[in-house]
Amino acid sequence: MAAEIPAAFLDLLTEKKALAHIATLQPDGSPQVTPVWFDYTNGKVRVNTAKGRIKARNMSEGSKVALSIVDPDNAYRYIQIRGTVTKETTEGAIAHIDSLAKKYLGKDVYPWHNPKEERVIYEITPAAAQTMG
């Protein structure tokens, strides 16, 4: 069962241009953290990357991850979400990164498209959420 995101913090997921820092686990068990663009749809956090990158190599369906999202207007207000990757897909991944470019850059098309890269969406189902602020 997915954890409910507190209503007072939904703005960080749906309205603000906050980055998420996603923590994944490497094969040796050590953590790896990367700032990422994200969106929140139907109770799921979605991130997009190119196959072959470290975070992509660390994630697959069933992987445990954590995200820290800090309010860009107040560094002492944040939400931490721990969850599981419940879907991995390349379907719609280019349109998704374009929509994230619109959110974060105000551009209709992701400016760094690379035809040699294959984009992938990771959908994360929240299992727990903690907040401050």
Protein backbone atom coordinates (compact mmCIF):
# COMPACT_ATOMS: atom_id res chain seq x y z
CA MET A 1 0.00 0.00 0.00
CA ALA A 2 1.34 3.41 -0.95
CA ALA A 3 2.07 5.99 1.71
CA GLU A 4 -0.02 9.14 1.63
CA ILE A 5 1.85 12.36 0.98
CA PRO A 6 0.83 15.01 3.55
CA ALA A 7 -1.42 17.58 1.84
CA ALA A 8 0.65 20.48 3.25
CA PHE A 9 3.66 19.23 1.24
CA LEU A 10 2.01 18.35 -2.06
CA ASP A 11 3.10 21.74 -3.45
CA LEU A 12 6.71 20.48 -3.41
CA LEU A 13 5.67 17.63 -5.68
CA THR A 14 3.18 19.35 -7.94
CA GLU A 15 3.69 23.12 -8.04
CA LYS A 16 7.29 24.08 -7.32
CA LYS A 17 10.44 23.57 -9.40
CA ALA A 18 12.08 21.60 -6.61
CA LEU A 19 14.75 19.08 -7.49
CA ALA A 20 14.68 15.66 -5.88
CA HIS A 21 17.87 14.07 -4.66
CA ILE A 22 17.41 10.37 -5.31
CA ALA A 23 19.41 7.82 -3.35
CA THR A 24 19.97 4.41 -4.91
CA LEU A 25 22.06 1.45 -3.81
CA GLN A 26 25.06 0.34 -5.83
CA PRO A 27 25.87 -3.36 -6.31
CA ASP A 28 28.35 -3.23 -3.39
CA GLY A 29 25.61 -1.81 -1.12
CA SER A 30 27.02 1.70 -0.96
CA PRO A 31 24.61 4.60 -1.51
CA GLN A 32 24.66 6.86 -4.55
CA VAL A 33 22.80 10.20 -4.68
CA THR A 34 21.88 12.28 -7.73
CA PRO A 35 19.74 15.41 -8.12
CA VAL A 36 16.93 14.73 -10.60
CA TRP A 37 13.91 16.32 -12.20
CA PHE A 38 10.68 14.55 -11.30
CA ASP A 39 6.91 14.71 -11.49
CA TYR A 40 4.18 13.32 -9.28
CA THR A 41 1.29 11.57 -11.01
CA ASN A 42 -1.43 9.32 -9.59
CA GLY A 43 0.38 8.98 -6.25
CA LYS A 44 3.69 8.00 -7.88
CA VAL A 45 6.96 9.90 -8.26
CA ARG A 46 8.42 9.58 -11.76
CA VAL A 47 12.04 10.24 -12.68
CA ASN A 48 13.63 10.05 -16.11
CA THR A 49 17.18 9.26 -17.08
CA ALA A 50 19.20 7.66 -19.84
CA LYS A 51 19.98 3.95 -19.75
CA GLY A 52 23.54 3.25 -18.69
CA ARG A 53 23.82 6.07 -16.15
CA ILE A 54 24.69 5.08 -12.59
CA LYS A 55 21.21 5.67 -11.18
CA ALA A 56 19.71 3.68 -14.06
CA ARG A 57 22.11 0.80 -13.44
CA ASN A 58 21.11 0.86 -9.76
CA MET A 59 17.35 0.84 -10.37
CA SER A 60 14.97 -1.80 -11.65
CA GLU A 61 11.49 -2.87 -10.65
CA GLY A 62 11.62 -3.74 -6.96
CA SER A 63 14.58 -1.50 -6.13
CA LYS A 64 14.35 0.53 -2.93
CA VAL A 65 15.09 4.25 -3.27
CA ALA A 66 14.78 7.42 -1.22
CA LEU A 67 14.12 10.96 -2.37
CA SER A 68 14.77 14.21 -0.54
CA ILE A 69 12.90 17.22 -1.92
CA VAL A 70 13.76 20.63 -0.45
CA ASP A 71 11.50 23.64 -0.88
CA PRO A 72 13.37 26.04 -3.22
CA ASP A 73 11.86 28.94 -1.22
CA ASN A 74 12.73 27.62 2.26
CA ALA A 75 15.69 25.27 2.75
CA TYR A 76 14.30 24.19 6.14
CA ARG A 77 11.11 22.77 4.61
CA TYR A 78 11.38 19.42 2.93
CA ILE A 79 9.88 16.02 2.37
CA GLN A 80 11.69 12.71 2.34
CA ILE A 81 10.03 9.86 0.49
CA ARG A 82 11.17 6.26 0.72
CA GLY A 83 9.73 3.86 -1.77
CA THR A 84 10.06 1.12 -4.34
CA VAL A 85 10.50 1.31 -8.09
CA THR A 86 7.26 -0.27 -9.27
CA LYS A 87 7.59 0.40 -12.99
CA GLU A 88 10.45 0.85 -15.46
CA THR A 89 9.61 1.75 -19.04
CA THR A 90 11.01 3.38 -22.14
CA GLU A 91 7.49 3.91 -23.49
CA GLY A 92 6.72 7.63 -23.49
CA ALA A 93 10.12 8.48 -22.00
CA ILE A 94 11.00 11.12 -24.60
CA ALA A 95 7.65 12.87 -24.16
CA HIS A 96 8.17 12.64 -20.39
CA ILE A 97 11.62 14.29 -20.44
CA ASP A 98 10.17 16.99 -22.70
CA SER A 99 7.41 17.62 -20.13
CA LEU A 100 10.04 17.86 -17.39
CA ALA A 101 11.99 20.36 -19.52
CA LYS A 102 8.80 22.42 -19.69
CA LYS A 103 8.42 22.29 -15.89
CA TYR A 104 12.04 23.05 -15.03
CA LEU A 105 13.30 25.12 -17.97
CA GLY A 106 10.15 26.51 -19.59
CA LYS A 107 11.17 24.78 -22.84
CA ASP A 108 8.87 22.59 -24.92
CA VAL A 109 11.69 20.22 -25.88
CA TYR A 110 14.48 18.82 -23.71
CA PRO A 111 17.53 20.70 -25.04
CA TRP A 112 20.05 17.90 -24.46
CA HIS A 113 18.39 15.09 -26.44
CA ASN A 114 21.02 12.64 -27.56
CA PRO A 115 19.95 10.14 -30.23
CA LYS A 116 22.59 7.70 -28.90
CA GLU A 117 20.83 7.56 -25.51
CA GLU A 118 17.69 5.62 -24.66
CA ARG A 119 15.49 7.41 -22.14
CA VAL A 120 13.74 5.49 -19.37
CA ILE A 121 11.08 6.40 -16.80
CA TYR A 122 11.21 4.98 -13.28
CA GLU A 123 7.95 5.11 -11.36
CA ILE A 124 8.34 5.07 -7.58
CA THR A 125 5.55 4.13 -5.20
CA PRO A 126 5.99 5.90 -1.84
CA ALA A 127 6.18 3.57 1.16
CA ALA A 128 6.89 6.26 3.77
CA ALA A 129 7.11 10.04 3.92
CA GLN A 130 8.66 12.30 6.54
CA THR A 131 8.47 16.09 6.52
CA MET A 132 9.91 19.13 8.22
CA GLY A 133 8.82 22.75 8.08
